[in-house]
C-alpha atoms as a PDB file:
ATOM      1  CA  MET A   1      -3.888   1.379 -16.956  1.00  0.00           C
ATOM      2  CA  LEU A   2      -6.822   0.943 -14.535  1.00  0.00           C
ATOM      3  CA  ASP A   3      -9.215   3.907 -13.970  1.00  0.00           C
ATOM      4  CA  LEU A   4      -8.735   4.458 -10.238  1.00  0.00           C
ATOM      5  CA  HIS A   5     -10.325   7.924 -10.014  1.00  0.00           C
ATOM      6  CA  ASN A   6     -12.279   8.101  -6.742  1.00  0.00           C
ATOM      7  CA  LYS A   7     -12.092   4.341  -6.237  1.00  0.00           C
ATOM      8  CA  VAL A   8     -12.321   3.004  -2.694  1.00  0.00           C
ATOM      9  CA  LEU A   9      -9.367   0.851  -1.653  1.00  0.00           C
ATOM     10  CA  LEU A  10      -8.722  -1.586   1.186  1.00  0.00           C
ATOM     11  CA  VAL A  11      -5.037  -1.285   1.647  1.00  0.00           C
ATOM     12  CA  SER A  12      -2.865  -3.703   3.684  1.00  0.00           C
ATOM     13  CA  LEU A  13       0.792  -2.835   4.110  1.00  0.00           C
ATOM     14  CA  LYS A  14       2.993  -5.438   5.711  1.00  0.00           C
ATOM     15  CA  HIS A  15       6.138  -3.729   7.127  1.00  0.00           C
ATOM     16  CA  ILE A  16       9.155  -6.064   7.588  1.00  0.00           C
ATOM     17  CA  ASP A  17      12.455  -5.063   9.209  1.00  0.00           C
ATOM     18  CA  GLU A  18      15.801  -6.887   9.057  1.00  0.00           C
ATOM     19  CA  GLU A  19      14.922  -8.842  12.308  1.00  0.00           C
ATOM     20  CA  GLU A  20      11.780 -10.108  10.584  1.00  0.00           C
ATOM     21  CA  ASN A  21       9.578  -8.036  12.933  1.00  0.00           C
ATOM     22  CA  ILE A  22       6.221  -7.540  11.146  1.00  0.00           C
ATOM     23  CA  LYS A  23       3.705  -4.762  11.588  1.00  0.00           C
ATOM     24  CA  PHE A  24       0.561  -4.314   9.523  1.00  0.00           C
ATOM     25  CA  ASP A  25      -1.010  -1.076   8.482  1.00  0.00           C
ATOM     26  CA  THR A  26      -4.485  -1.790   7.113  1.00  0.00           C
ATOM     27  CA  PHE A  27      -6.954   0.912   6.256  1.00  0.00           C
ATOM     28  CA  PHE A  28      -9.639   2.115   3.835  1.00  0.00           C
ATOM     29  CA  GLY A  29      -8.882   5.036   1.511  1.00  0.00           C
ATOM     30  CA  VAL A  30     -10.142   6.827  -1.609  1.00  0.00           C
ATOM     31  CA  VAL A  31      -7.893   7.417  -4.620  1.00  0.00           C
ATOM     32  CA  ASN A  32      -7.160  11.145  -4.938  1.00  0.00           C
ATOM     33  CA  THR A  33      -4.911  11.127  -7.998  1.00  0.00           C
ATOM     34  CA  PHE A  34      -2.862   8.552  -9.891  1.00  0.00           C
ATOM     35  CA  ASN A  35      -0.439   8.187 -12.753  1.00  0.00           C
ATOM     36  CA  ASP A  36       1.619   5.301 -14.169  1.00  0.00           C
ATOM     37  CA  ASN A  37       4.009   5.456 -11.137  1.00  0.00           C
ATOM     38  CA  THR A  38       2.059   6.564  -8.093  1.00  0.00           C
ATOM     39  CA  VAL A  39      -1.411   6.378  -6.540  1.00  0.00           C
ATOM     40  CA  VAL A  40      -2.203   9.043  -4.013  1.00  0.00           C
ATOM     41  CA  VAL A  41      -4.766   7.722  -1.452  1.00  0.00           C
ATOM     42  CA  ASP A  42      -6.759   9.815   1.048  1.00  0.00           C
ATOM     43  CA  ARG A  43      -7.038   7.618   4.182  1.00  0.00           C
ATOM     44  CA  VAL A  44     -10.418   7.422   5.799  1.00  0.00           C
ATOM     45  CA  GLY A  45      -9.926   9.213   9.055  1.00  0.00           C
ATOM     46  CA  GLY A  46      -7.314  11.583   7.757  1.00  0.00           C
ATOM     47  CA  GLY A  47      -3.890  11.607   6.147  1.00  0.00           C
ATOM     48  CA  GLN A  48      -2.601  10.713   2.748  1.00  0.00           C
ATOM     49  CA  VAL A  49      -0.308   7.915   1.523  1.00  0.00           C
ATOM     50  CA  ASP A  50       1.335   7.289  -1.866  1.00  0.00           C
ATOM     51  CA  LEU A  51       1.426   3.845  -3.222  1.00  0.00           C
ATOM     52  CA  PRO A  52       3.271   2.418  -6.275  1.00  0.00           C
ATOM     53  CA  TYR A  53       1.134   1.878  -9.319  1.00  0.00           C
ATOM     54  CA  ALA A  54       0.998  -1.378 -11.184  1.00  0.00           C
ATOM     55  CA  ASP A  55      -2.139  -3.060 -12.579  1.00  0.00           C
ATOM     56  CA  ASP A  56      -1.470  -6.221 -10.602  1.00  0.00           C
ATOM     57  CA  HIS A  57      -1.335  -4.377  -7.292  1.00  0.00           C
ATOM     58  CA  PHE A  58      -5.079  -3.711  -7.483  1.00  0.00           C
ATOM     59  CA  GLU A  59      -7.270  -6.795  -7.059  1.00  0.00           C
ATOM     60  CA  PRO A  60     -10.998  -6.278  -7.641  1.00  0.00           C
ATOM     61  CA  ALA A  61     -12.987  -6.548  -4.400  1.00  0.00           C
ATOM     62  CA  THR A  62     -15.408  -9.481  -4.401  1.00  0.00           C
ATOM     63  CA  ASP A  63     -17.048  -9.409  -0.948  1.00  0.00           C
ATOM     64  CA  GLU A  64     -20.104  -7.288  -0.166  1.00  0.00           C
ATOM     65  CA  TRP A  65     -18.437  -5.645   2.851  1.00  0.00           C
ATOM     66  CA  TYR A  66     -15.084  -5.611   4.615  1.00  0.00           C
ATOM     67  CA  GLU A  67     -14.310  -5.055   8.310  1.00  0.00           C
ATOM     68  CA  LEU A  68     -10.929  -4.210   9.911  1.00  0.00           C
ATOM     69  CA  LYS A  69      -9.742  -5.392  13.268  1.00  0.00           C
ATOM     70  CA  ASN A  70     -10.332  -1.911  14.704  1.00  0.00           C
ATOM     71  CA  GLY A  71     -14.052  -2.161  13.811  1.00  0.00           C
ATOM     72  CA  ASP A  72     -13.972   0.129  10.755  1.00  0.00           C
ATOM     73  CA  TRP A  73     -15.975  -1.328   7.888  1.00  0.00           C
ATOM     74  CA  SER A  74     -16.930  -0.502   4.310  1.00  0.00           C
ATOM     75  CA  ASP A  75     -19.449  -1.849   1.776  1.00  0.00           C
ATOM     76  CA  GLU A  76     -18.023   0.230  -1.047  1.00  0.00           C
ATOM     77  CA  VAL A  77     -14.519  -1.290  -1.647  1.00  0.00           C
ATOM     78  CA  ASP A  78     -13.573  -1.363  -5.284  1.00  0.00           C
ATOM     79  CA  PHE A  79     -10.045  -2.805  -5.021  1.00  0.00           C
ATOM     80  CA  ILE A  80      -7.758  -4.541  -2.482  1.00  0.00           C
ATOM     81  CA  VAL A  81      -4.114  -3.594  -2.359  1.00  0.00           C
ATOM     82  CA  GLN A  82      -1.616  -5.779  -0.484  1.00  0.00           C
ATOM     83  CA  LEU A  83       2.050  -4.823  -0.394  1.00  0.00           C
ATOM     84  CA  ASP A  84       5.151  -5.887   1.543  1.00  0.00           C
ATOM     85  CA  VAL A  85       7.134  -2.905   2.667  1.00  0.00           C
ATOM     86  CA  PHE A  86      10.744  -3.521   3.585  1.00  0.00           C
ATOM     87  CA  GLU A  87      12.543  -1.282   6.025  1.00  0.00           C
ATOM     88  CA  ASN A  88      15.828  -1.411   4.144  1.00  0.00           C
ATOM     89  CA  ASP A  89      17.851  -3.409   1.575  1.00  0.00           C
ATOM     90  CA  LEU A  90      18.968  -5.896   4.220  1.00  0.00           C
ATOM     91  CA  ALA A  91      15.403  -6.776   5.175  1.00  0.00           C
ATOM     92  CA  TYR A  92      14.575  -7.221   1.473  1.00  0.00           C
ATOM     93  CA  GLU A  93      17.585  -9.421   0.859  1.00  0.00           C
ATOM     94  CA  LYS A  94      16.806 -11.602   3.901  1.00  0.00           C
ATOM     95  CA  TYR A  95      13.020 -11.929   3.508  1.00  0.00           C
ATOM     96  CA  GLY A  96      11.962 -10.739   0.067  1.00  0.00           C
ATOM     97  CA  ALA A  97      10.209 -13.259  -2.139  1.00  0.00           C
ATOM     98  CA  LYS A  98      10.499 -13.057  -5.889  1.00  0.00           C
ATOM     99  CA  ASN A  99       6.802 -13.225  -6.736  1.00  0.00           C
ATOM    100  CA  THR A 100       5.321 -10.820  -4.282  1.00  0.00           C
ATOM    101  CA  LYS A 101       4.549  -7.129  -4.519  1.00  0.00           C
ATOM    102  CA  GLN A 102       7.198  -5.350  -2.523  1.00  0.00           C
ATOM    103  CA  VAL A 103       8.278  -1.807  -1.634  1.00  0.00           C
ATOM    104  CA  ASN A 104      11.520  -0.736  -0.055  1.00  0.00           C
ATOM    105  CA  GLU A 105      11.454   2.117   2.451  1.00  0.00           C
ATOM    106  CA  MET A 106      14.889   3.507   1.593  1.00  0.00           C
ATOM    107  CA  ASP A 107      14.850   7.199   0.563  1.00  0.00           C
ATOM    108  CA  ALA A 108      11.194   7.435   1.377  1.00  0.00           C
ATOM    109  CA  LYS A 109      10.990  11.236   1.067  1.00  0.00           C
ATOM    110  CA  ARG A 110      10.178  11.072  -2.633  1.00  0.00           C
ATOM    111  CA  LEU A 111       6.891   9.363  -2.137  1.00  0.00           C
ATOM    112  CA  ALA A 112       6.000   9.822   1.539  1.00  0.00           C
ATOM    113  CA  CYS A 113       3.563  12.581   2.332  1.00  0.00           C
ATOM    114  CA  ALA A 114       4.749  14.881   5.104  1.00  0.00           C
ATOM    115  CA  HIS A 115       1.414  14.720   6.934  1.00  0.00           C
ATOM    116  CA  THR A 116       1.251  10.951   7.397  1.00  0.00           C
ATOM    117  CA  SER A 117       3.177   8.614   9.547  1.00  0.00           C
ATOM    118  CA  LEU A 118       3.244   5.923   6.861  1.00  0.00           C
ATOM    119  CA  ILE A 119       6.377   5.883   4.811  1.00  0.00           C
ATOM    120  CA  VAL A 120       6.302   4.291   1.349  1.00  0.00           C
ATOM    121  CA  ALA A 121       9.510   4.382  -0.638  1.00  0.00           C
ATOM    122  CA  LYS A 122      10.799   5.261  -4.070  1.00  0.00           C
ATOM    123  CA  HIS A 123      12.535   1.887  -4.648  1.00  0.00           C
ATOM    124  CA  PHE A 124      10.039  -0.711  -5.652  1.00  0.00           C
ATOM    125  CA  TYR A 125      10.885  -4.446  -5.629  1.00  0.00           C
ATOM    126  CA  ALA A 126       7.724  -5.306  -7.541  1.00  0.00           C
ATOM    127  CA  HIS A 127       7.929  -8.200  -9.877  1.00  0.00           C
ATOM    128  CA  TYR A 128       5.487  -7.981 -12.715  1.00  0.00           C
END
């Protein structure tokens, strides 16, 4: 298990619905807490999001600095996290790929924080 305590993350969540509409949610965050199932991330700018934990979800950052489309930037990124988030089972069945990191948004209450607009689900279609 990686030591993620207080690590800075660049997170990119690709949301896909059953019509293959795609929306990206990309942000910087700091790991608040983590265990072998969940990583709680404090988003820079406010809010919190829970992500699924797996060693292969966290790629070491290699660049000196990263900039988002909105102009936010960081030179302290430790890991990059990229996940596909499917709106429902139909979206996953239609557009899911076997070798990508994927999260299904069904029954999102288990992992979604009440104070964030981002919903991450309890069903993970992650292939390790």
